[in-house]
N, C-alpha and C. Protein backbone atom coordinates (compact mmCIF):
# COMPACT_ATOMS: atom_id res chain seq x y z
N MET A 1 -42.23 35.36 -78.32
CA MET A 1 -41.05 34.87 -79.01
C MET A 1 -40.50 33.66 -78.27
N ALA A 2 -40.35 32.52 -78.89
CA ALA A 2 -39.90 31.26 -78.27
C ALA A 2 -38.43 31.33 -77.90
N PRO A 3 -38.07 30.76 -76.72
CA PRO A 3 -36.63 30.79 -76.33
C PRO A 3 -35.79 30.00 -77.29
N THR A 4 -34.60 30.45 -77.42
CA THR A 4 -33.69 29.76 -78.32
C THR A 4 -33.24 28.48 -77.68
N ARG A 5 -32.77 27.56 -78.45
CA ARG A 5 -32.29 26.27 -77.96
C ARG A 5 -31.03 26.43 -77.10
N THR A 6 -30.23 27.46 -77.40
CA THR A 6 -29.00 27.69 -76.61
C THR A 6 -29.35 28.03 -75.18
N HIS A 7 -30.34 28.89 -74.99
CA HIS A 7 -30.76 29.29 -73.65
C HIS A 7 -31.29 28.09 -72.87
N THR A 8 -32.02 27.24 -73.58
CA THR A 8 -32.57 26.06 -72.93
C THR A 8 -31.46 25.13 -72.48
N LYS A 9 -30.43 24.95 -73.26
CA LYS A 9 -29.30 24.08 -72.90
C LYS A 9 -28.55 24.60 -71.68
N ARG A 10 -28.36 25.99 -71.64
CA ARG A 10 -27.67 26.55 -70.46
C ARG A 10 -28.45 26.31 -69.18
N ARG A 11 -29.76 26.49 -69.34
CA ARG A 11 -30.60 26.29 -68.16
C ARG A 11 -30.54 24.83 -67.69
N GLY A 12 -30.54 23.93 -68.64
CA GLY A 12 -30.45 22.50 -68.30
C GLY A 12 -29.10 22.17 -67.69
N SER A 13 -28.05 22.82 -68.16
CA SER A 13 -26.70 22.56 -67.63
C SER A 13 -26.60 23.03 -66.18
N LYS A 14 -27.21 24.19 -65.85
CA LYS A 14 -27.19 24.70 -64.47
C LYS A 14 -27.90 23.75 -63.53
N LEU A 15 -29.02 23.24 -63.97
CA LEU A 15 -29.76 22.29 -63.12
C LEU A 15 -28.95 21.03 -62.89
N LEU A 16 -28.24 20.58 -63.90
CA LEU A 16 -27.43 19.37 -63.77
C LEU A 16 -26.27 19.59 -62.82
N VAL A 17 -25.61 20.79 -62.92
CA VAL A 17 -24.50 21.10 -62.03
C VAL A 17 -24.97 21.18 -60.58
N THR A 18 -26.15 21.82 -60.40
CA THR A 18 -26.70 21.94 -59.04
C THR A 18 -26.97 20.56 -58.44
N ALA A 19 -27.53 19.66 -59.25
CA ALA A 19 -27.82 18.30 -58.79
C ALA A 19 -26.55 17.56 -58.44
N LEU A 20 -25.50 17.74 -59.19
CA LEU A 20 -24.23 17.09 -58.92
C LEU A 20 -23.63 17.59 -57.61
N VAL A 21 -23.70 18.92 -57.35
CA VAL A 21 -23.17 19.49 -56.11
C VAL A 21 -23.90 18.94 -54.90
N VAL A 22 -25.23 18.89 -54.98
CA VAL A 22 -26.03 18.34 -53.88
C VAL A 22 -25.68 16.88 -53.64
N GLY A 23 -25.49 16.15 -54.72
CA GLY A 23 -25.13 14.74 -54.60
C GLY A 23 -23.79 14.53 -53.93
N VAL A 24 -22.82 15.36 -54.29
CA VAL A 24 -21.50 15.27 -53.68
C VAL A 24 -21.56 15.59 -52.20
N LEU A 25 -22.28 16.65 -51.83
CA LEU A 25 -22.42 17.02 -50.43
C LEU A 25 -23.10 15.92 -49.64
N GLY A 26 -24.09 15.31 -50.25
CA GLY A 26 -24.78 14.20 -49.58
C GLY A 26 -23.84 13.04 -49.35
N THR A 27 -22.98 12.77 -50.33
CA THR A 27 -22.02 11.67 -50.19
C THR A 27 -21.02 11.96 -49.08
N VAL A 28 -20.55 13.19 -48.99
CA VAL A 28 -19.59 13.58 -47.95
C VAL A 28 -20.22 13.42 -46.56
N ALA A 29 -21.49 13.87 -46.44
CA ALA A 29 -22.17 13.76 -45.14
C ALA A 29 -22.37 12.31 -44.75
N ALA A 30 -22.75 11.49 -45.72
CA ALA A 30 -22.99 10.07 -45.42
C ALA A 30 -21.70 9.36 -45.06
N GLY A 31 -20.59 9.77 -45.60
CA GLY A 31 -19.31 9.14 -45.32
C GLY A 31 -18.76 9.49 -43.95
N GLY A 32 -19.35 10.42 -43.23
CA GLY A 32 -18.92 10.77 -41.88
C GLY A 32 -17.54 11.36 -41.82
N VAL A 33 -17.18 12.19 -42.64
CA VAL A 33 -15.85 12.81 -42.63
C VAL A 33 -15.90 13.99 -41.68
N PHE A 34 -15.60 13.70 -40.38
CA PHE A 34 -15.59 14.75 -39.37
C PHE A 34 -14.30 14.66 -38.56
N GLY A 35 -13.85 15.71 -37.94
CA GLY A 35 -12.72 15.69 -37.05
C GLY A 35 -13.13 15.08 -35.71
N ILE A 36 -12.34 14.11 -35.09
CA ILE A 36 -12.68 13.44 -33.83
C ILE A 36 -11.52 13.56 -32.85
N PHE A 37 -11.83 14.04 -31.61
CA PHE A 37 -10.87 14.04 -30.52
C PHE A 37 -11.17 12.84 -29.62
N SER A 38 -10.14 12.19 -29.03
CA SER A 38 -10.38 11.07 -28.11
C SER A 38 -9.26 10.99 -27.08
N ALA A 39 -9.58 10.31 -25.96
CA ALA A 39 -8.58 10.08 -24.91
C ALA A 39 -9.04 8.90 -24.08
N THR A 40 -8.11 8.14 -23.50
CA THR A 40 -8.45 7.01 -22.63
C THR A 40 -7.54 7.00 -21.41
N THR A 41 -8.02 6.32 -20.37
CA THR A 41 -7.18 6.02 -19.22
C THR A 41 -7.55 4.62 -18.77
N GLN A 42 -6.68 3.90 -18.09
CA GLN A 42 -6.99 2.53 -17.69
C GLN A 42 -6.29 2.16 -16.38
N ASN A 43 -6.86 1.17 -15.71
CA ASN A 43 -6.30 0.64 -14.46
C ASN A 43 -6.13 -0.86 -14.65
N ALA A 44 -4.92 -1.31 -14.91
CA ALA A 44 -4.68 -2.71 -15.29
C ALA A 44 -4.26 -3.56 -14.10
N GLY A 45 -4.28 -4.87 -14.31
CA GLY A 45 -3.74 -5.83 -13.36
C GLY A 45 -4.61 -6.14 -12.15
N ASN A 46 -5.90 -5.84 -12.22
CA ASN A 46 -6.79 -6.10 -11.09
C ASN A 46 -6.99 -7.60 -10.88
N GLU A 47 -6.87 -8.07 -9.61
CA GLU A 47 -6.99 -9.48 -9.30
C GLU A 47 -7.35 -9.66 -7.83
N ILE A 48 -8.17 -10.65 -7.52
CA ILE A 48 -8.51 -10.98 -6.14
C ILE A 48 -8.19 -12.45 -5.91
N SER A 49 -7.45 -12.75 -4.84
CA SER A 49 -7.14 -14.15 -4.51
C SER A 49 -7.43 -14.38 -3.03
N THR A 50 -7.78 -15.60 -2.69
CA THR A 50 -8.15 -15.92 -1.32
C THR A 50 -6.94 -16.32 -0.48
N GLY A 51 -7.07 -16.13 0.83
CA GLY A 51 -6.05 -16.57 1.77
C GLY A 51 -6.31 -18.02 2.15
N SER A 52 -5.54 -18.52 3.13
CA SER A 52 -5.66 -19.92 3.51
C SER A 52 -5.63 -20.08 5.02
N VAL A 53 -6.20 -21.20 5.49
CA VAL A 53 -6.17 -21.60 6.89
C VAL A 53 -5.63 -23.03 6.91
N ALA A 54 -4.53 -23.27 7.63
CA ALA A 54 -3.91 -24.60 7.59
C ALA A 54 -3.24 -24.92 8.92
N LEU A 55 -3.55 -26.11 9.46
CA LEU A 55 -2.95 -26.60 10.70
C LEU A 55 -2.28 -27.94 10.46
N SER A 56 -1.20 -28.20 11.16
CA SER A 56 -0.56 -29.51 11.09
C SER A 56 0.05 -29.83 12.46
N ASP A 57 0.40 -31.09 12.67
CA ASP A 57 1.07 -31.45 13.92
C ASP A 57 2.18 -32.46 13.62
N ASN A 58 2.93 -32.84 14.64
CA ASN A 58 4.09 -33.70 14.43
C ASN A 58 3.85 -35.13 14.92
N ASP A 59 2.57 -35.57 14.95
CA ASP A 59 2.30 -36.91 15.49
C ASP A 59 2.63 -38.05 14.53
N GLY A 60 2.86 -37.74 13.27
CA GLY A 60 3.20 -38.79 12.30
C GLY A 60 2.13 -39.86 12.17
N GLY A 61 0.89 -39.51 12.51
CA GLY A 61 -0.20 -40.47 12.40
C GLY A 61 -0.36 -41.40 13.59
N SER A 62 0.41 -41.16 14.67
CA SER A 62 0.35 -42.02 15.86
C SER A 62 -0.43 -41.34 16.98
N ALA A 63 -1.03 -42.15 17.85
CA ALA A 63 -1.77 -41.61 19.00
C ALA A 63 -0.80 -41.15 20.08
N MET A 64 -1.18 -40.09 20.81
CA MET A 64 -0.38 -39.65 21.94
C MET A 64 -0.41 -40.66 23.08
N PHE A 65 -1.61 -41.18 23.33
CA PHE A 65 -1.79 -42.12 24.44
C PHE A 65 -2.24 -43.48 23.91
N SER A 66 -1.45 -44.47 24.19
CA SER A 66 -1.81 -45.85 23.86
C SER A 66 -1.38 -46.69 25.05
N VAL A 67 -2.22 -46.69 26.09
CA VAL A 67 -1.85 -47.26 27.39
C VAL A 67 -2.64 -48.54 27.64
N LEU A 68 -1.92 -49.59 28.01
CA LEU A 68 -2.53 -50.86 28.39
C LEU A 68 -2.21 -51.15 29.85
N ASN A 69 -3.07 -51.93 30.49
CA ASN A 69 -2.84 -52.37 31.87
C ASN A 69 -2.65 -51.22 32.85
N ALA A 70 -3.42 -50.15 32.66
CA ALA A 70 -3.35 -49.03 33.59
C ALA A 70 -3.91 -49.43 34.95
N LYS A 71 -3.41 -48.78 35.99
CA LYS A 71 -3.92 -49.04 37.34
C LYS A 71 -4.17 -47.71 38.03
N PRO A 72 -5.03 -47.68 39.04
CA PRO A 72 -5.34 -46.43 39.74
C PRO A 72 -4.08 -45.72 40.22
N GLY A 73 -4.04 -44.40 39.97
CA GLY A 73 -2.90 -43.58 40.38
C GLY A 73 -1.87 -43.37 39.30
N ASP A 74 -1.94 -44.12 38.19
CA ASP A 74 -0.96 -43.95 37.11
C ASP A 74 -1.16 -42.59 36.42
N THR A 75 -0.04 -41.98 36.03
CA THR A 75 -0.06 -40.72 35.27
C THR A 75 0.79 -40.87 34.02
N TRP A 76 0.29 -40.34 32.92
CA TRP A 76 1.03 -40.40 31.66
C TRP A 76 1.11 -38.99 31.08
N THR A 77 2.28 -38.58 30.66
CA THR A 77 2.47 -37.23 30.13
C THR A 77 2.98 -37.32 28.70
N ARG A 78 2.33 -36.62 27.81
CA ARG A 78 2.69 -36.64 26.40
C ARG A 78 2.64 -35.21 25.84
N CYS A 79 3.44 -34.97 24.79
CA CYS A 79 3.46 -33.65 24.16
C CYS A 79 3.27 -33.76 22.64
N ILE A 80 2.72 -32.70 22.08
CA ILE A 80 2.50 -32.63 20.64
C ILE A 80 2.71 -31.19 20.18
N LYS A 81 3.33 -31.05 19.02
CA LYS A 81 3.56 -29.71 18.47
C LYS A 81 2.56 -29.43 17.36
N VAL A 82 1.92 -28.27 17.42
CA VAL A 82 0.93 -27.86 16.42
C VAL A 82 1.45 -26.61 15.73
N THR A 83 1.41 -26.61 14.41
CA THR A 83 1.92 -25.49 13.61
C THR A 83 0.82 -24.93 12.74
N TYR A 84 0.72 -23.59 12.74
CA TYR A 84 -0.24 -22.91 11.87
C TYR A 84 0.50 -22.34 10.67
N SER A 85 0.13 -22.78 9.48
CA SER A 85 0.84 -22.34 8.28
C SER A 85 -0.08 -21.63 7.29
N GLY A 86 -1.26 -21.24 7.72
CA GLY A 86 -2.16 -20.50 6.83
C GLY A 86 -1.66 -19.08 6.62
N SER A 87 -2.26 -18.38 5.68
CA SER A 87 -1.85 -17.00 5.40
C SER A 87 -2.74 -15.98 6.10
N LEU A 88 -3.88 -16.44 6.65
CA LEU A 88 -4.80 -15.55 7.36
C LEU A 88 -4.65 -15.73 8.87
N PRO A 89 -4.74 -14.67 9.65
CA PRO A 89 -4.77 -14.84 11.10
C PRO A 89 -5.96 -15.74 11.47
N ALA A 90 -5.78 -16.61 12.47
CA ALA A 90 -6.81 -17.59 12.76
C ALA A 90 -7.06 -17.74 14.26
N ASP A 91 -8.28 -18.22 14.57
CA ASP A 91 -8.62 -18.64 15.91
C ASP A 91 -8.56 -20.16 15.94
N VAL A 92 -8.00 -20.72 17.00
CA VAL A 92 -7.87 -22.17 17.11
C VAL A 92 -8.56 -22.65 18.38
N HIS A 93 -9.40 -23.67 18.23
CA HIS A 93 -10.07 -24.31 19.36
C HIS A 93 -9.70 -25.79 19.39
N ILE A 94 -9.71 -26.36 20.59
CA ILE A 94 -9.45 -27.79 20.74
C ILE A 94 -10.67 -28.45 21.37
N TYR A 95 -10.98 -29.65 20.92
CA TYR A 95 -12.10 -30.40 21.50
C TYR A 95 -11.89 -31.89 21.26
N LEU A 96 -12.59 -32.69 22.05
CA LEU A 96 -12.57 -34.14 21.85
C LEU A 96 -13.71 -34.51 20.92
N LYS A 97 -13.36 -35.26 19.90
CA LYS A 97 -14.36 -35.63 18.90
C LYS A 97 -15.25 -36.78 19.38
N ASP A 98 -14.72 -37.61 20.25
CA ASP A 98 -15.44 -38.81 20.67
C ASP A 98 -15.71 -38.80 22.17
N SER A 99 -16.60 -39.67 22.61
CA SER A 99 -16.85 -39.82 24.05
C SER A 99 -15.64 -40.49 24.70
N THR A 100 -15.58 -40.41 26.03
CA THR A 100 -14.43 -40.98 26.74
C THR A 100 -14.76 -42.33 27.37
N GLY A 101 -15.83 -42.93 26.96
CA GLY A 101 -16.15 -44.28 27.42
C GLY A 101 -16.42 -44.38 28.91
N GLU A 102 -16.56 -45.59 29.40
CA GLU A 102 -16.89 -45.80 30.81
C GLU A 102 -15.76 -45.44 31.76
N LEU A 103 -14.53 -45.39 31.24
CA LEU A 103 -13.39 -45.04 32.10
C LEU A 103 -13.17 -43.53 32.16
N GLY A 104 -13.75 -42.79 31.22
CA GLY A 104 -13.55 -41.34 31.12
C GLY A 104 -13.77 -40.57 32.40
N PRO A 105 -14.84 -40.85 33.17
CA PRO A 105 -15.08 -40.07 34.39
C PRO A 105 -13.98 -40.22 35.45
N TYR A 106 -13.13 -41.22 35.30
CA TYR A 106 -12.07 -41.46 36.29
C TYR A 106 -10.70 -41.00 35.79
N ILE A 107 -10.69 -40.36 34.63
CA ILE A 107 -9.44 -39.82 34.08
C ILE A 107 -9.43 -38.31 34.26
N SER A 108 -8.40 -37.78 34.90
CA SER A 108 -8.25 -36.33 35.04
C SER A 108 -7.15 -35.85 34.09
N VAL A 109 -7.27 -34.60 33.67
CA VAL A 109 -6.33 -34.04 32.67
C VAL A 109 -5.81 -32.70 33.14
N ILE A 110 -4.52 -32.50 32.97
CA ILE A 110 -3.92 -31.16 33.09
C ILE A 110 -3.26 -30.88 31.74
N ALA A 111 -3.72 -29.83 31.08
CA ALA A 111 -3.21 -29.49 29.74
C ALA A 111 -2.52 -28.14 29.79
N ARG A 112 -1.30 -28.09 29.28
CA ARG A 112 -0.52 -26.85 29.28
C ARG A 112 -0.02 -26.54 27.88
N GLN A 113 0.25 -25.27 27.64
CA GLN A 113 0.84 -24.86 26.37
C GLN A 113 2.17 -24.19 26.62
N GLY A 114 3.09 -24.32 25.65
CA GLY A 114 4.40 -23.73 25.83
C GLY A 114 5.28 -23.97 24.62
N THR A 115 6.55 -24.12 24.86
CA THR A 115 7.54 -24.31 23.80
C THR A 115 8.41 -25.52 24.11
N GLN A 116 9.11 -25.98 23.08
CA GLN A 116 10.01 -27.13 23.24
C GLN A 116 11.12 -26.99 22.22
N GLY A 117 12.34 -27.01 22.69
CA GLY A 117 13.46 -26.77 21.79
C GLY A 117 13.53 -27.74 20.63
N ALA A 118 13.45 -29.01 20.92
CA ALA A 118 13.48 -30.03 19.87
C ALA A 118 12.27 -30.94 20.11
N ALA A 119 11.18 -30.61 19.45
CA ALA A 119 9.94 -31.35 19.67
C ALA A 119 9.97 -32.69 18.96
N THR A 120 10.02 -33.76 19.75
CA THR A 120 10.00 -35.12 19.21
C THR A 120 8.78 -35.84 19.78
N PHE A 121 7.79 -36.02 18.97
CA PHE A 121 6.53 -36.62 19.42
C PHE A 121 6.76 -38.04 19.93
N PRO A 122 6.14 -38.42 21.04
CA PRO A 122 5.31 -37.63 21.98
C PRO A 122 6.08 -37.20 23.23
N SER A 123 7.41 -37.13 23.13
CA SER A 123 8.23 -36.79 24.28
C SER A 123 7.97 -35.35 24.74
N CYS A 124 8.06 -35.14 26.05
CA CYS A 124 7.93 -33.79 26.61
C CYS A 124 9.28 -33.26 27.11
N SER A 125 10.36 -33.92 26.75
CA SER A 125 11.68 -33.48 27.16
C SER A 125 11.95 -32.06 26.68
N GLY A 126 12.28 -31.18 27.59
CA GLY A 126 12.58 -29.79 27.24
C GLY A 126 11.37 -28.90 27.13
N PHE A 127 10.19 -29.42 27.46
CA PHE A 127 8.98 -28.59 27.38
C PHE A 127 9.04 -27.50 28.44
N THR A 128 8.69 -26.28 28.03
CA THR A 128 8.65 -25.13 28.93
C THR A 128 7.30 -24.43 28.78
N PRO A 129 6.52 -24.32 29.86
CA PRO A 129 5.24 -23.62 29.75
C PRO A 129 5.44 -22.15 29.42
N ASP A 130 4.47 -21.57 28.72
CA ASP A 130 4.60 -20.15 28.39
C ASP A 130 4.11 -19.30 29.55
N GLY A 131 3.96 -18.01 29.33
CA GLY A 131 3.61 -17.10 30.41
C GLY A 131 2.14 -17.01 30.73
N SER A 132 1.31 -17.77 30.04
CA SER A 132 -0.13 -17.72 30.30
C SER A 132 -0.47 -18.39 31.62
N ALA A 133 -1.67 -18.09 32.13
CA ALA A 133 -2.16 -18.67 33.40
C ALA A 133 -1.14 -18.51 34.52
N GLY A 134 -0.61 -17.30 34.65
CA GLY A 134 0.35 -17.03 35.72
C GLY A 134 1.67 -17.74 35.57
N GLY A 135 2.03 -18.06 34.34
CA GLY A 135 3.30 -18.71 34.07
C GLY A 135 3.24 -20.22 34.12
N THR A 136 2.06 -20.78 34.37
CA THR A 136 1.93 -22.24 34.40
C THR A 136 1.61 -22.81 33.02
N GLY A 137 1.06 -21.98 32.14
CA GLY A 137 0.68 -22.43 30.80
C GLY A 137 -0.56 -23.30 30.78
N VAL A 138 -1.22 -23.49 31.93
CA VAL A 138 -2.39 -24.38 32.00
C VAL A 138 -3.59 -23.74 31.31
N PHE A 139 -4.17 -24.45 30.35
CA PHE A 139 -5.40 -23.96 29.72
C PHE A 139 -6.60 -24.85 30.03
N TYR A 140 -6.34 -26.01 30.64
CA TYR A 140 -7.45 -26.86 31.10
C TYR A 140 -6.96 -27.77 32.22
N GLU A 141 -7.81 -27.89 33.25
CA GLU A 141 -7.55 -28.84 34.33
C GLU A 141 -8.89 -29.36 34.82
N GLY A 142 -9.09 -30.66 34.72
CA GLY A 142 -10.35 -31.24 35.12
C GLY A 142 -10.53 -32.63 34.55
N PRO A 143 -11.76 -33.15 34.63
CA PRO A 143 -12.01 -34.50 34.13
C PRO A 143 -11.95 -34.58 32.62
N ALA A 144 -11.60 -35.75 32.12
CA ALA A 144 -11.50 -35.93 30.67
C ALA A 144 -12.84 -35.80 29.98
N THR A 145 -13.93 -35.96 30.74
CA THR A 145 -15.26 -35.90 30.14
C THR A 145 -15.69 -34.49 29.76
N THR A 146 -15.15 -33.46 30.43
CA THR A 146 -15.63 -32.09 30.23
C THR A 146 -15.38 -31.53 28.83
N PRO A 147 -14.17 -31.68 28.28
CA PRO A 147 -13.95 -31.07 26.96
C PRO A 147 -14.55 -31.84 25.79
N VAL A 148 -15.33 -32.89 26.09
CA VAL A 148 -15.97 -33.61 24.98
C VAL A 148 -17.07 -32.73 24.42
N ALA A 149 -16.86 -32.16 23.28
CA ALA A 149 -17.84 -31.25 22.69
C ALA A 149 -18.13 -31.61 21.25
N GLY A 150 -17.06 -31.84 20.50
CA GLY A 150 -17.25 -32.24 19.11
C GLY A 150 -17.46 -31.11 18.13
N THR A 151 -17.43 -29.86 18.61
CA THR A 151 -17.60 -28.73 17.70
C THR A 151 -16.62 -27.61 18.04
N PHE A 152 -16.31 -26.81 17.07
CA PHE A 152 -15.43 -25.66 17.26
C PHE A 152 -16.03 -24.70 18.28
N GLU A 153 -17.33 -24.43 18.16
CA GLU A 153 -17.99 -23.46 19.02
C GLU A 153 -17.91 -23.85 20.50
N GLN A 154 -17.96 -25.13 20.80
CA GLN A 154 -17.95 -25.59 22.18
C GLN A 154 -16.55 -25.96 22.68
N GLY A 155 -15.58 -25.89 21.78
CA GLY A 155 -14.22 -26.27 22.16
C GLY A 155 -13.53 -25.22 23.01
N LEU A 156 -12.35 -25.56 23.51
CA LEU A 156 -11.55 -24.64 24.30
C LEU A 156 -10.70 -23.76 23.38
N ALA A 157 -10.75 -22.45 23.58
CA ALA A 157 -9.97 -21.53 22.76
C ALA A 157 -8.50 -21.59 23.17
N LEU A 158 -7.63 -21.69 22.19
CA LEU A 158 -6.19 -21.70 22.42
C LEU A 158 -5.59 -20.45 21.79
N VAL A 159 -4.89 -19.66 22.60
CA VAL A 159 -4.32 -18.41 22.11
C VAL A 159 -2.84 -18.36 22.49
N PRO A 160 -1.95 -18.13 21.54
CA PRO A 160 -0.53 -17.98 21.89
C PRO A 160 -0.34 -16.87 22.91
N PHE A 161 0.57 -17.07 23.85
CA PHE A 161 0.78 -16.09 24.91
C PHE A 161 1.09 -14.71 24.34
N GLY A 162 0.32 -13.71 24.82
CA GLY A 162 0.53 -12.34 24.39
C GLY A 162 -0.12 -11.98 23.08
N GLU A 163 -0.84 -12.91 22.46
CA GLU A 163 -1.49 -12.67 21.18
C GLU A 163 -3.01 -12.80 21.31
N THR A 164 -3.72 -12.34 20.31
CA THR A 164 -5.18 -12.49 20.27
C THR A 164 -5.62 -13.51 19.23
N SER A 165 -4.71 -13.90 18.37
CA SER A 165 -5.01 -14.90 17.34
C SER A 165 -3.70 -15.54 16.89
N TRP A 166 -3.83 -16.56 16.04
CA TRP A 166 -2.65 -17.25 15.51
C TRP A 166 -2.21 -16.56 14.22
N ALA A 167 -0.97 -16.14 14.20
CA ALA A 167 -0.40 -15.53 13.00
C ALA A 167 0.25 -16.62 12.15
N PRO A 168 0.41 -16.36 10.84
CA PRO A 168 1.10 -17.32 9.99
C PRO A 168 2.47 -17.69 10.57
N GLY A 169 2.76 -18.98 10.65
CA GLY A 169 4.04 -19.45 11.16
C GLY A 169 4.06 -19.73 12.65
N THR A 170 2.93 -19.53 13.33
CA THR A 170 2.88 -19.77 14.78
C THR A 170 3.01 -21.26 15.10
N THR A 171 3.83 -21.57 16.09
CA THR A 171 4.00 -22.95 16.56
C THR A 171 3.77 -23.00 18.07
N GLN A 172 2.98 -23.98 18.51
CA GLN A 172 2.75 -24.18 19.93
C GLN A 172 2.93 -25.65 20.27
N VAL A 173 3.47 -25.90 21.46
CA VAL A 173 3.60 -27.27 21.95
C VAL A 173 2.62 -27.44 23.11
N TYR A 174 1.92 -28.56 23.11
CA TYR A 174 0.92 -28.84 24.14
C TYR A 174 1.32 -30.08 24.93
N GLU A 175 1.27 -29.93 26.25
CA GLU A 175 1.56 -31.04 27.15
C GLU A 175 0.27 -31.51 27.81
N PHE A 176 0.02 -32.80 27.74
CA PHE A 176 -1.16 -33.38 28.37
C PHE A 176 -0.71 -34.41 29.41
N ALA A 177 -1.13 -34.19 30.65
CA ALA A 177 -0.86 -35.16 31.72
C ALA A 177 -2.19 -35.77 32.12
N MET A 178 -2.34 -37.08 31.91
CA MET A 178 -3.57 -37.78 32.26
C MET A 178 -3.31 -38.73 33.42
N THR A 179 -4.23 -38.72 34.37
CA THR A 179 -4.09 -39.55 35.56
C THR A 179 -5.36 -40.36 35.78
N LEU A 180 -5.16 -41.65 36.07
CA LEU A 180 -6.29 -42.50 36.44
C LEU A 180 -6.50 -42.33 37.94
N ASN A 181 -7.70 -41.93 38.30
CA ASN A 181 -8.03 -41.62 39.68
C ASN A 181 -7.58 -42.75 40.63
N PRO A 182 -6.81 -42.38 41.65
CA PRO A 182 -6.37 -43.41 42.61
C PRO A 182 -7.54 -44.11 43.29
N ALA A 183 -8.70 -43.45 43.33
CA ALA A 183 -9.87 -44.04 43.99
C ALA A 183 -10.81 -44.71 42.99
N ALA A 184 -10.31 -45.00 41.79
CA ALA A 184 -11.15 -45.67 40.80
C ALA A 184 -11.67 -46.99 41.38
N PRO A 185 -12.97 -47.26 41.31
CA PRO A 185 -13.53 -48.46 41.94
C PRO A 185 -13.17 -49.73 41.18
N ASP A 186 -13.41 -50.86 41.83
CA ASP A 186 -13.14 -52.16 41.21
C ASP A 186 -13.96 -52.35 39.93
N SER A 187 -15.08 -51.65 39.84
CA SER A 187 -15.94 -51.80 38.66
C SER A 187 -15.27 -51.30 37.38
N THR A 188 -14.16 -50.54 37.52
CA THR A 188 -13.47 -50.03 36.33
C THR A 188 -12.46 -51.02 35.78
N GLN A 189 -12.27 -52.15 36.45
CA GLN A 189 -11.33 -53.15 35.93
C GLN A 189 -11.78 -53.62 34.54
N GLY A 190 -10.81 -53.66 33.62
CA GLY A 190 -11.10 -54.11 32.27
C GLY A 190 -11.88 -53.12 31.43
N SER A 191 -12.07 -51.90 31.93
CA SER A 191 -12.80 -50.88 31.17
C SER A 191 -11.83 -50.01 30.36
N SER A 192 -12.40 -49.16 29.53
CA SER A 192 -11.57 -48.37 28.62
C SER A 192 -12.25 -47.04 28.31
N THR A 193 -11.42 -46.09 27.89
CA THR A 193 -11.97 -44.82 27.41
C THR A 193 -12.46 -44.95 25.97
N GLY A 194 -12.03 -46.02 25.31
CA GLY A 194 -12.28 -46.11 23.88
C GLY A 194 -11.29 -45.21 23.13
N ALA A 195 -11.34 -45.27 21.83
CA ALA A 195 -10.43 -44.46 21.02
C ALA A 195 -10.90 -43.01 21.01
N MET A 196 -10.09 -42.13 21.57
CA MET A 196 -10.44 -40.70 21.64
C MET A 196 -9.65 -39.92 20.59
N THR A 197 -10.31 -38.97 19.96
CA THR A 197 -9.65 -38.13 18.97
C THR A 197 -9.64 -36.68 19.43
N MET A 198 -8.45 -36.13 19.63
CA MET A 198 -8.31 -34.71 19.95
C MET A 198 -8.26 -33.92 18.64
N VAL A 199 -9.04 -32.87 18.57
CA VAL A 199 -9.10 -32.07 17.34
C VAL A 199 -8.69 -30.64 17.63
N TRP A 200 -7.73 -30.14 16.88
CA TRP A 200 -7.42 -28.72 16.85
C TRP A 200 -8.04 -28.18 15.57
N GLU A 201 -8.90 -27.19 15.69
CA GLU A 201 -9.55 -26.63 14.50
C GLU A 201 -9.28 -25.14 14.41
N ALA A 202 -8.88 -24.70 13.22
CA ALA A 202 -8.59 -23.28 12.99
C ALA A 202 -9.64 -22.67 12.07
N ARG A 203 -10.03 -21.46 12.38
CA ARG A 203 -10.91 -20.67 11.52
C ARG A 203 -10.33 -19.27 11.42
N ASN A 204 -10.42 -18.70 10.24
CA ASN A 204 -9.81 -17.38 10.08
C ASN A 204 -10.43 -16.38 11.07
N HIS A 205 -9.57 -15.57 11.64
CA HIS A 205 -9.94 -14.63 12.69
C HIS A 205 -10.81 -13.53 12.13
N VAL A 206 -11.97 -13.30 12.77
CA VAL A 206 -12.89 -12.23 12.36
C VAL A 206 -12.72 -11.06 13.32
N GLN A 207 -12.33 -9.94 12.78
CA GLN A 207 -12.09 -8.77 13.63
C GLN A 207 -13.35 -7.93 13.76
């Protein structure tokens, strides 16, 4: 006995409904409708900046020593103030950048460090040596030819009394007394040291 048309229609309707349900479920899954939990944390404002190393002096662009017609036995004393304004602790060395010429071997130097109430370049009025070197403040005594090095590594280390390095804002006054050897021979007449450049060089302190 052949199925009636009504039964066939019901069967077709069930298949259609089933297909529609599967299609809807597939659409829901593809749309990603799921519950999501989330949380964040952050660390803001990160920044790195460099420090600085800076030296200056009060010479106003003038030489400490500008001596003409020197004679054996003459002594000249001059002072200069050096200020460290960098933000990093620093090591400071001093050296002569140039040779001291044919007269250099006959020039002796006594160099001291200390303080000065009112530093007026190149006057040494009011200069007071610090407590280093037994209270004399002397950091070099000898011929002018010896400190000619031209490099930081070979220069003379300068350290503020009681400190191991230069802190920001450190100020030091340096007194240089130069003497032409009283026994300078006649062959030194008309000779010269040439233009000498004293260099203070700072490098950040490495601990």
